[in-house]
N, C-alpha and C. Protein backbone atom coordinates (compact mmCIF):
# COMPACT_ATOMS: atom_id res chain seq x y z
N MET A 1 97.98 27.99 28.68
CA MET A 1 96.55 28.48 29.91
C MET A 1 97.39 29.94 30.66
N ARG A 2 96.58 30.88 30.82
CA ARG A 2 96.41 31.74 31.21
C ARG A 2 96.44 32.13 32.86
N SER A 3 97.27 33.13 32.94
CA SER A 3 97.35 33.30 34.45
C SER A 3 97.39 35.25 35.03
N LEU A 4 97.25 35.22 36.05
CA LEU A 4 96.90 37.04 36.35
C LEU A 4 96.35 36.81 37.68
N GLU A 5 97.41 37.99 39.08
CA GLU A 5 98.06 37.79 40.03
C GLU A 5 97.01 39.45 40.68
N PHE A 6 96.23 38.84 41.41
CA PHE A 6 96.03 40.20 41.75
C PHE A 6 97.00 40.49 43.87
N ARG A 7 96.64 40.92 44.66
CA ARG A 7 96.80 42.10 44.97
C ARG A 7 96.12 43.98 45.70
N SER A 8 95.60 43.27 46.91
CA SER A 8 95.28 44.62 47.56
C SER A 8 94.84 44.59 49.53
N HIS A 9 94.77 45.43 49.84
CA HIS A 9 94.23 45.63 51.00
C HIS A 9 92.65 46.78 51.27
N ARG A 10 93.09 47.18 49.87
CA ARG A 10 91.87 49.50 49.76
C ARG A 10 90.41 48.13 49.24
N LEU A 11 89.82 48.23 49.60
CA LEU A 11 88.43 46.27 49.92
C LEU A 11 86.82 47.20 48.39
N ALA A 12 87.68 49.48 48.01
CA ALA A 12 87.29 49.11 47.06
C ALA A 12 87.83 48.73 45.42
N GLU A 13 89.45 48.52 45.08
CA GLU A 13 89.74 48.09 44.46
C GLU A 13 89.61 45.89 44.76
N VAL A 14 89.18 45.82 46.26
CA VAL A 14 89.02 44.42 45.42
C VAL A 14 87.57 44.20 44.65
N GLN A 15 86.56 45.16 45.34
CA GLN A 15 85.85 45.04 45.24
C GLN A 15 85.61 45.15 43.51
N GLU A 16 86.41 46.04 43.42
CA GLU A 16 86.58 46.40 41.33
C GLU A 16 86.79 44.91 41.11
N PHE A 17 88.05 44.26 41.34
CA PHE A 17 89.05 43.05 40.65
C PHE A 17 87.72 41.66 40.72
N LEU A 18 86.98 41.84 42.32
CA LEU A 18 85.69 40.95 42.26
C LEU A 18 84.84 40.17 41.06
N SER A 19 83.73 41.58 40.66
CA SER A 19 82.68 41.53 40.08
C SER A 19 83.40 41.57 38.52
N TRP A 20 85.17 42.05 38.49
CA TRP A 20 85.47 42.00 37.29
C TRP A 20 85.91 40.74 37.22
N ALA A 21 86.12 40.04 37.80
CA ALA A 21 86.47 38.08 38.11
C ALA A 21 85.49 37.25 38.08
N TYR A 22 83.74 37.63 39.05
CA TYR A 22 83.29 36.69 39.69
C TYR A 22 81.94 37.04 38.43
N ALA A 23 80.89 38.45 39.39
CA ALA A 23 80.04 38.93 39.01
C ALA A 23 80.20 39.91 39.75
N PRO A 24 79.71 40.84 39.90
CA PRO A 24 79.69 41.55 40.40
C PRO A 24 78.75 41.57 41.72
N ILE A 25 79.88 41.95 42.36
CA ILE A 25 79.91 41.43 44.24
C ILE A 25 79.62 43.14 45.14
N ARG A 26 79.63 42.73 46.02
CA ARG A 26 79.11 43.77 47.51
C ARG A 26 79.77 42.65 48.51
N LEU A 27 80.66 44.30 48.63
CA LEU A 27 82.10 43.82 49.69
C LEU A 27 81.74 43.73 51.61
N GLY A 28 81.00 43.62 52.30
CA GLY A 28 82.02 44.66 53.29
C GLY A 28 82.59 43.99 53.84
N ASN A 29 83.23 44.03 54.82
CA ASN A 29 84.36 44.09 55.86
C ASN A 29 84.23 44.26 57.28
N HIS A 30 83.28 44.18 57.72
CA HIS A 30 83.04 44.95 58.88
C HIS A 30 83.51 46.12 59.80
N GLY A 31 84.41 46.75 59.06
CA GLY A 31 84.97 47.63 59.92
C GLY A 31 86.15 47.60 59.93
N HIS A 32 87.76 46.13 59.52
CA HIS A 32 88.38 45.99 60.19
C HIS A 32 89.29 46.63 58.15
N ALA A 33 90.07 46.02 59.05
CA ALA A 33 91.11 45.77 58.00
C ALA A 33 91.07 44.72 56.55
N VAL A 34 91.29 44.98 55.32
CA VAL A 34 91.44 43.18 54.23
C VAL A 34 92.56 43.71 53.72
N GLY A 35 92.74 41.25 53.52
CA GLY A 35 94.11 41.80 52.45
C GLY A 35 93.68 40.38 51.60
N VAL A 36 93.83 40.43 50.69
CA VAL A 36 93.15 39.93 49.40
C VAL A 36 94.35 39.38 48.37
N GLN A 37 94.54 38.36 47.90
CA GLN A 37 95.63 37.85 47.04
C GLN A 37 94.88 36.76 46.18
N VAL A 38 94.86 36.90 45.27
CA VAL A 38 93.92 35.93 44.05
C VAL A 38 94.82 35.92 43.07
N GLU A 39 95.07 34.77 42.95
CA GLU A 39 96.18 33.72 41.54
C GLU A 39 95.43 32.92 40.67
N ARG A 40 94.93 33.98 39.61
CA ARG A 40 93.71 32.21 38.66
C ARG A 40 95.68 31.93 37.39
N ILE A 41 94.95 30.77 37.76
CA ILE A 41 95.36 30.05 36.23
C ILE A 41 93.68 29.32 35.47
N SER A 42 93.96 29.80 34.14
CA SER A 42 92.80 29.00 33.56
C SER A 42 93.87 28.90 32.22
N SER A 43 92.38 28.31 31.54
CA SER A 43 91.79 27.84 30.09
C SER A 43 91.51 27.72 29.43
N ASP A 44 90.55 27.28 28.46
CA ASP A 44 89.85 27.94 27.66
C ASP A 44 89.17 26.88 28.70
N GLY A 45 87.00 27.99 28.79
CA GLY A 45 86.01 27.11 29.99
C GLY A 45 86.89 27.12 31.02
N LEU A 46 88.34 27.44 32.00
CA LEU A 46 87.86 26.41 33.25
C LEU A 46 88.97 27.79 33.33
N SER A 47 88.44 28.26 34.64
CA SER A 47 90.18 28.90 35.63
C SER A 47 89.79 28.35 37.38
N MET A 48 90.53 28.47 38.06
CA MET A 48 90.82 28.21 39.47
C MET A 48 92.27 29.05 39.89
N ASP A 49 91.61 29.47 40.62
CA ASP A 49 92.22 30.41 41.69
C ASP A 49 92.42 30.07 43.02
N ARG A 50 93.41 30.81 43.30
CA ARG A 50 93.90 30.73 44.85
C ARG A 50 93.14 31.58 45.10
N LEU A 51 92.32 31.74 46.37
CA LEU A 51 91.95 33.25 46.86
C LEU A 51 92.59 32.89 48.25
N ASP A 52 92.96 33.81 48.64
CA ASP A 52 92.99 33.99 50.80
C ASP A 52 93.05 35.61 51.07
N VAL A 53 92.72 35.53 51.72
CA VAL A 53 92.06 36.30 52.66
C VAL A 53 91.22 36.33 54.08
N ASP A 54 92.40 37.45 54.77
CA ASP A 54 93.04 37.52 55.62
C ASP A 54 92.40 37.76 56.48
N SER A 55 91.74 38.44 56.64
CA SER A 55 90.53 38.83 57.70
C SER A 55 88.76 38.11 56.90
N THR A 56 88.27 38.74 58.10
CA THR A 56 86.80 38.00 57.61
C THR A 56 86.52 39.62 56.28
N LEU A 57 85.43 38.44 55.57
CA LEU A 57 84.88 39.88 53.85
C LEU A 57 83.97 39.33 53.96
N SER A 58 82.71 40.01 53.88
CA SER A 58 80.75 39.41 53.71
C SER A 58 80.70 39.97 51.79
N TYR A 59 80.00 39.27 51.39
CA TYR A 59 79.75 39.35 49.65
C TYR A 59 78.11 38.72 49.86
N ASP A 60 77.48 39.83 49.22
CA ASP A 60 76.64 39.39 48.34
C ASP A 60 76.86 39.27 46.61
N ALA A 61 76.94 38.01 45.99
CA ALA A 61 76.55 38.35 44.85
C ALA A 61 76.07 38.07 43.94
N ALA A 62 75.62 38.18 41.96
CA ALA A 62 75.09 37.79 41.35
C ALA A 62 74.94 37.16 40.77
N ALA A 63 74.21 36.71 40.10
CA ALA A 63 74.52 35.08 39.86
C ALA A 63 76.05 34.64 38.96
N LEU A 64 77.13 33.80 39.18
CA LEU A 64 77.76 33.79 38.10
C LEU A 64 78.17 33.97 36.51
N GLY A 65 76.92 32.32 37.13
CA GLY A 65 77.22 32.20 34.65
C GLY A 65 77.65 31.16 34.98
N ARG A 66 78.24 30.90 35.16
CA ARG A 66 79.14 29.35 35.65
C ARG A 66 78.88 28.46 37.48
N VAL A 67 79.46 27.75 36.82
CA VAL A 67 79.33 26.31 38.31
C VAL A 67 80.86 26.97 39.16
N CYS A 68 80.42 27.04 40.16
CA CYS A 68 81.73 26.77 41.38
C CYS A 68 81.75 27.08 42.87
N LEU A 69 82.86 25.68 42.18
CA LEU A 69 83.20 24.79 43.39
C LEU A 69 84.40 26.34 44.91
N ILE A 70 83.78 25.45 45.21
CA ILE A 70 84.75 26.25 46.16
C ILE A 70 85.76 24.61 47.30
N THR A 71 86.87 25.25 47.14
CA THR A 71 88.05 24.44 47.59
C THR A 71 88.75 25.30 49.02
N VAL A 72 88.21 24.96 50.89
CA VAL A 72 88.41 24.71 51.83
C VAL A 72 90.26 25.13 52.67
N HIS A 73 90.97 25.91 53.10
CA HIS A 73 91.71 25.05 52.74
C HIS A 73 92.65 25.59 54.35
N HIS A 74 92.31 27.18 54.01
CA HIS A 74 92.08 27.27 55.84
C HIS A 74 90.99 28.02 56.34
N GLY A 75 90.99 27.88 57.29
CA GLY A 75 89.74 29.23 57.64
C GLY A 75 88.62 28.65 57.05
N ALA A 76 87.39 29.33 57.11
CA ALA A 76 86.33 28.89 56.74
C ALA A 76 85.81 29.77 55.76
N VAL A 77 84.52 29.56 55.18
CA VAL A 77 83.51 29.71 54.28
C VAL A 77 82.18 30.59 54.91
N VAL A 78 81.59 31.31 54.94
CA VAL A 78 80.55 30.90 56.37
C VAL A 78 79.17 30.60 54.42
N ASP A 79 78.34 30.10 54.07
CA ASP A 79 77.62 30.47 53.35
C ASP A 79 76.18 30.73 53.15
N THR A 80 75.86 31.22 53.06
CA THR A 80 74.36 32.33 54.00
C THR A 80 73.20 32.11 52.48
N THR A 81 73.73 31.13 51.33
CA THR A 81 73.38 32.21 50.13
C THR A 81 71.17 31.12 50.12
N THR A 82 70.98 29.63 50.46
CA THR A 82 69.70 29.22 51.12
C THR A 82 68.45 30.28 52.57
N GLY A 83 70.06 30.78 52.90
CA GLY A 83 68.99 31.56 53.67
C GLY A 83 69.65 30.73 55.19
N ARG A 84 70.13 29.54 55.20
CA ARG A 84 70.67 28.48 56.05
C ARG A 84 72.23 29.16 56.16
N ARG A 85 72.66 29.70 57.21
CA ARG A 85 73.79 29.37 57.20
C ARG A 85 74.87 28.44 57.88
N VAL A 86 75.87 27.83 56.74
CA VAL A 86 76.06 26.57 57.03
C VAL A 86 77.49 27.19 56.51
N VAL A 87 78.46 27.14 57.96
CA VAL A 87 79.67 26.73 57.20
C VAL A 87 80.68 25.93 56.85
N HIS A 88 82.49 26.28 56.40
CA HIS A 88 82.35 25.28 55.72
C HIS A 88 83.15 24.69 55.50
N GLY A 89 83.94 24.32 56.58
CA GLY A 89 86.04 24.59 56.91
C GLY A 89 86.83 23.54 56.39
N PRO A 90 87.46 23.22 56.62
CA PRO A 90 88.99 22.78 55.89
C PRO A 90 88.85 21.56 55.28
N GLY A 91 89.59 21.31 54.12
CA GLY A 91 89.61 20.04 53.47
C GLY A 91 88.02 20.02 52.07
N GLU A 92 87.21 20.36 52.98
CA GLU A 92 85.62 20.59 52.17
C GLU A 92 86.08 21.55 50.82
N THR A 93 84.98 21.03 50.09
CA THR A 93 84.60 21.39 48.79
C THR A 93 82.73 21.53 48.47
N PHE A 94 82.90 22.72 47.91
CA PHE A 94 80.71 23.00 47.77
C PHE A 94 80.87 24.21 46.91
N LEU A 95 79.53 23.50 46.36
CA LEU A 95 79.64 24.44 45.62
C LEU A 95 78.95 25.42 45.63
N LEU A 96 79.45 26.97 45.47
CA LEU A 96 78.76 28.19 45.91
C LEU A 96 77.27 28.03 46.42
N ALA A 97 76.34 27.97 44.30
CA ALA A 97 75.36 28.30 44.33
C ALA A 97 75.39 27.26 43.22
N GLN A 98 73.49 27.99 42.88
CA GLN A 98 73.34 27.16 40.68
C GLN A 98 74.01 28.41 40.23
N PRO A 99 74.85 27.79 38.96
CA PRO A 99 75.05 29.03 38.30
C PRO A 99 74.37 30.15 38.08
N ASP A 100 72.48 30.12 37.82
CA ASP A 100 71.81 31.41 37.57
C ASP A 100 71.54 31.96 38.62
N ARG A 101 71.70 31.64 40.31
CA ARG A 101 71.81 32.24 41.58
C ARG A 101 72.89 32.79 42.00
N PRO A 102 71.62 34.45 42.82
CA PRO A 102 73.16 34.84 43.73
C PRO A 102 74.00 34.07 44.29
N CYS A 103 74.73 34.57 45.79
CA CYS A 103 75.58 34.25 46.71
C CYS A 103 75.92 35.36 47.70
N THR A 104 75.78 34.60 49.26
CA THR A 104 76.02 35.12 49.97
C THR A 104 77.13 35.02 50.99
N GLY A 105 77.03 35.36 51.36
CA GLY A 105 78.63 35.16 52.73
C GLY A 105 79.80 35.73 53.83
N GLU A 106 80.19 34.94 53.55
CA GLU A 106 81.41 34.96 54.87
C GLU A 106 82.58 34.33 54.62
N LEU A 107 83.96 35.46 54.05
CA LEU A 107 85.14 34.50 54.14
C LEU A 107 85.78 34.58 55.19
N CYS A 108 85.96 33.81 56.11
CA CYS A 108 86.20 34.27 57.05
C CYS A 108 88.38 33.97 57.45
N ALA A 109 88.79 34.14 57.43
CA ALA A 109 90.80 33.95 57.31
C ALA A 109 90.97 33.02 56.72
N ALA A 110 90.25 33.14 55.32
CA ALA A 110 90.27 32.05 54.92
C ALA A 110 91.14 31.54 53.48
N ARG A 111 92.08 30.92 52.96
CA ARG A 111 92.30 30.68 51.98
C ARG A 111 91.68 28.84 51.15
N CYS A 112 91.68 29.37 49.91
CA CYS A 112 90.64 28.78 49.01
C CYS A 112 90.63 28.28 47.82
N THR A 113 90.43 27.35 47.36
CA THR A 113 90.70 27.23 45.64
C THR A 113 88.67 27.53 44.48
N VAL A 114 89.02 28.54 44.00
CA VAL A 114 87.20 28.54 43.35
C VAL A 114 88.14 27.80 42.21
N THR A 115 87.15 27.34 42.15
CA THR A 115 86.58 26.91 41.07
C THR A 115 85.74 27.35 39.47
N LEU A 116 85.95 27.39 38.47
CA LEU A 116 84.38 28.26 37.16
C LEU A 116 84.90 27.22 36.08
N PHE A 117 83.58 26.22 35.70
CA PHE A 117 83.86 26.44 34.51
C PHE A 117 82.29 26.58 33.78
N ASP A 118 81.89 26.83 33.11
CA ASP A 118 80.83 26.49 32.07
C ASP A 118 79.58 25.40 32.40
N PRO A 119 78.27 25.50 33.00
CA PRO A 119 77.57 24.37 32.98
C PRO A 119 77.15 24.56 31.89
N GLY A 120 77.48 24.47 30.58
CA GLY A 120 77.76 23.39 29.95
C GLY A 120 78.04 22.17 29.65
N LEU A 121 79.22 22.18 30.24
CA LEU A 121 79.47 21.49 30.20
C LEU A 121 79.51 20.20 30.32
N LEU A 122 78.16 20.41 31.73
CA LEU A 122 77.47 19.47 32.12
C LEU A 122 76.59 18.66 31.21
N ASP A 123 76.46 19.48 30.76
CA ASP A 123 75.44 19.31 30.01
C ASP A 123 75.80 18.29 28.75
N GLN A 124 76.99 18.10 28.44
CA GLN A 124 77.68 17.77 27.36
C GLN A 124 78.52 15.93 27.69
N VAL A 125 79.10 16.44 29.52
CA VAL A 125 79.50 15.54 30.22
C VAL A 125 78.07 14.00 30.41
N ALA A 126 76.63 14.59 30.41
CA ALA A 126 76.09 13.61 31.20
C ALA A 126 74.71 13.48 29.67
N GLU A 127 75.24 14.29 28.32
CA GLU A 127 74.66 14.15 27.00
C GLU A 127 74.72 12.07 27.55
N GLY A 128 73.02 12.04 26.48
CA GLY A 128 71.86 11.00 27.90
C GLY A 128 72.09 10.05 28.47
N ALA A 129 72.79 10.43 29.37
CA ALA A 129 72.58 9.80 31.07
C ALA A 129 71.25 10.43 31.14
N VAL A 130 71.50 11.94 31.25
CA VAL A 130 69.50 12.59 31.36
C VAL A 130 68.65 12.62 30.93
N PRO A 131 67.22 11.95 31.38
CA PRO A 131 66.42 10.77 30.59
C PRO A 131 65.60 12.24 30.12
N SER A 132 65.47 13.08 30.49
CA SER A 132 64.83 14.53 30.58
C SER A 132 65.24 15.62 29.83
N GLY A 133 66.43 14.76 29.13
CA GLY A 133 67.14 15.59 27.96
C GLY A 133 67.54 16.70 28.16
N GLY A 134 66.73 18.28 29.78
CA GLY A 134 67.30 18.62 29.45
C GLY A 134 68.60 19.11 30.52
N PRO A 135 69.05 19.57 31.17
CA PRO A 135 70.24 20.74 30.87
C PRO A 135 70.18 20.03 32.58
N VAL A 136 71.52 20.00 33.27
CA VAL A 136 71.83 18.95 34.80
C VAL A 136 72.05 20.74 35.49
N ARG A 137 70.85 19.82 36.25
CA ARG A 137 70.41 20.28 37.32
C ARG A 137 71.64 19.46 39.29
N PHE A 138 72.70 20.76 40.10
CA PHE A 138 72.19 20.32 41.02
C PHE A 138 71.37 20.42 41.61
N THR A 139 72.10 19.53 42.45
CA THR A 139 69.62 18.59 43.77
C THR A 139 71.42 19.04 45.15
N GLY A 140 72.05 19.65 45.77
CA GLY A 140 72.98 19.53 46.40
C GLY A 140 73.75 20.33 46.33
N GLN A 141 74.27 21.09 47.40
CA GLN A 141 75.75 22.29 47.20
C GLN A 141 77.09 21.42 47.93
N GLN A 142 76.76 20.14 48.49
CA GLN A 142 77.56 19.26 49.14
C GLN A 142 77.69 18.70 48.25
N PRO A 143 79.63 17.54 48.22
CA PRO A 143 79.40 16.24 47.74
C PRO A 143 78.24 15.42 48.21
N VAL A 144 78.21 14.04 48.24
CA VAL A 144 76.95 12.82 48.93
C VAL A 144 77.58 12.31 50.03
N ASP A 145 78.73 11.92 50.27
CA ASP A 145 79.06 11.81 51.49
C ASP A 145 80.72 11.36 51.70
N ALA A 146 81.96 12.09 53.28
CA ALA A 146 82.88 11.57 53.11
C ALA A 146 84.06 11.68 51.90
N ALA A 147 83.68 9.98 51.19
CA ALA A 147 84.44 9.61 50.29
C ALA A 147 84.33 10.73 48.54
N ALA A 148 82.78 11.03 48.60
CA ALA A 148 82.60 11.37 47.27
C ALA A 148 83.41 12.91 47.13
N ASN A 149 83.62 13.28 49.06
CA ASN A 149 83.92 15.17 49.56
C ASN A 149 85.92 14.92 49.12
N ARG A 150 86.30 13.65 49.62
CA ARG A 150 87.96 13.82 49.82
C ARG A 150 87.73 13.66 47.63
N SER A 151 87.51 12.50 46.99
CA SER A 151 87.36 12.74 45.59
C SER A 151 87.34 13.72 45.03
N LEU A 152 86.84 14.32 45.45
CA LEU A 152 86.35 16.49 43.93
C LEU A 152 88.17 17.03 44.94
N GLY A 153 88.11 16.71 46.35
CA GLY A 153 88.59 17.23 46.42
C GLY A 153 90.43 16.92 45.97
N VAL A 154 90.80 15.77 45.66
CA VAL A 154 91.88 15.17 45.22
C VAL A 154 91.54 15.62 43.45
N THR A 155 90.51 15.42 42.51
CA THR A 155 90.43 15.57 41.97
C THR A 155 90.63 17.48 41.33
N VAL A 156 90.14 17.94 42.04
CA VAL A 156 90.66 19.10 42.38
C VAL A 156 92.45 20.46 42.39
N SER A 157 92.92 19.84 43.02
CA SER A 157 93.50 19.64 43.62
C SER A 157 94.02 19.46 42.26
N PHE A 158 94.43 18.17 41.56
CA PHE A 158 95.17 17.84 40.66
C PHE A 158 95.13 18.10 39.73
N LEU A 159 94.35 18.79 39.01
CA LEU A 159 93.98 19.86 38.20
C LEU A 159 94.00 21.00 37.98
N ARG A 160 94.89 21.66 39.36
CA ARG A 160 95.20 22.58 39.74
C ARG A 160 96.81 22.53 39.46
N ASP A 161 97.68 22.11 40.70
CA ASP A 161 98.32 21.47 40.77
C ASP A 161 99.39 20.91 39.84
N HIS A 162 98.11 20.14 38.57
CA HIS A 162 99.42 19.72 37.65
C HIS A 162 99.22 19.35 36.65
N VAL A 163 97.95 19.64 35.87
CA VAL A 163 97.57 19.81 34.84
C VAL A 163 97.30 20.94 34.55
N LEU A 164 97.23 22.25 34.91
CA LEU A 164 97.29 23.32 33.81
C LEU A 164 98.24 24.15 34.98
N ALA A 165 98.81 24.00 35.41
CA ALA A 165 100.17 24.41 36.14
C ALA A 165 101.65 23.91 35.87
N GLY A 166 100.52 22.90 34.95
CA GLY A 166 102.27 21.48 33.90
C GLY A 166 102.43 23.16 32.33
N PRO A 167 104.24 22.41 31.91
CA PRO A 167 104.74 23.40 31.18
C PRO A 167 104.11 22.77 30.29
N ASP A 168 103.60 21.36 29.72
CA ASP A 168 102.79 21.36 28.44
C ASP A 168 102.41 22.41 27.56
N GLY A 169 101.37 22.22 28.57
CA GLY A 169 100.06 22.76 27.87
C GLY A 169 99.17 22.47 26.65
N ASN A 170 98.98 20.57 26.92
CA ASN A 170 98.59 20.31 25.57
C ASN A 170 96.91 20.29 26.54
N ASN A 171 96.05 21.20 25.35
CA ASN A 171 94.29 20.34 25.41
C ASN A 171 94.42 20.16 25.97
N LEU A 172 94.29 18.34 24.88
CA LEU A 172 93.69 17.35 25.39
C LEU A 172 94.25 16.69 26.70
N VAL A 173 94.53 16.82 27.07
CA VAL A 173 94.91 16.54 28.33
C VAL A 173 94.33 17.42 28.85
N VAL A 174 94.36 18.86 29.49
CA VAL A 174 93.66 19.60 30.09
C VAL A 174 91.37 19.45 29.81
N GLU A 175 91.63 19.47 28.27
CA GLU A 175 90.43 19.06 28.05
C GLU A 175 89.54 17.59 29.15
N THR A 176 90.91 16.18 28.47
CA THR A 176 90.19 14.97 29.48
C THR A 176 90.45 15.34 30.66
N ALA A 177 91.18 15.88 32.11
CA ALA A 177 91.08 16.70 32.81
C ALA A 177 89.32 16.76 33.24
N VAL A 178 89.36 18.24 33.07
CA VAL A 178 88.41 19.19 33.19
C VAL A 178 86.92 18.21 32.97
N ARG A 179 86.81 16.98 31.35
CA ARG A 179 85.41 16.40 31.60
C ARG A 179 85.66 15.62 32.68
N HIS A 180 86.67 15.04 33.82
CA HIS A 180 87.23 13.89 34.60
C HIS A 180 86.45 14.92 35.89
N LEU A 181 86.54 16.11 35.63
CA LEU A 181 86.70 16.68 37.90
C LEU A 181 84.58 17.29 36.99
N VAL A 182 84.38 17.13 35.73
CA VAL A 182 82.62 17.29 35.84
C VAL A 182 82.25 16.34 35.73
N THR A 183 82.18 15.41 35.21
CA THR A 183 81.59 13.69 35.67
C THR A 183 82.18 13.43 37.19
């Protein structure tokens, strides 16, 4: 397991860090001061960030090249990627964008978990189950219902708080838990 921490109140530093951590990104803070904190824990092919933004921060990011799930714990994430304004609040987990698509929106005094993994893992888990044999593509950005949302949120929390943060760093346990999340 690897860990990383970042804190800053300077927009230029935040933009530079987030461009390195996720994808090239442009940020806006509507003239307000902004504080951002990121705590990352990662293992091969998976990273989970605790992202805390203390005010409103708009973003316009290039394609991440990875599956990016956002679990909102406090505040809101306003997603404008599809041209519609979709507000996600506490308890919601959603796909930020298709891995090969850019994304736009706002973090509004948000505390969230950002889960990133290689989209190739979807293909590995679905091998033989996808009739076309082609790559797996998401058909939407939200779980299909409230029960699926709760299940996904619990899985993200368990993986972040118990598997990746665990003292043993057992690769087999991490790999199995990641496959469960992907499934």
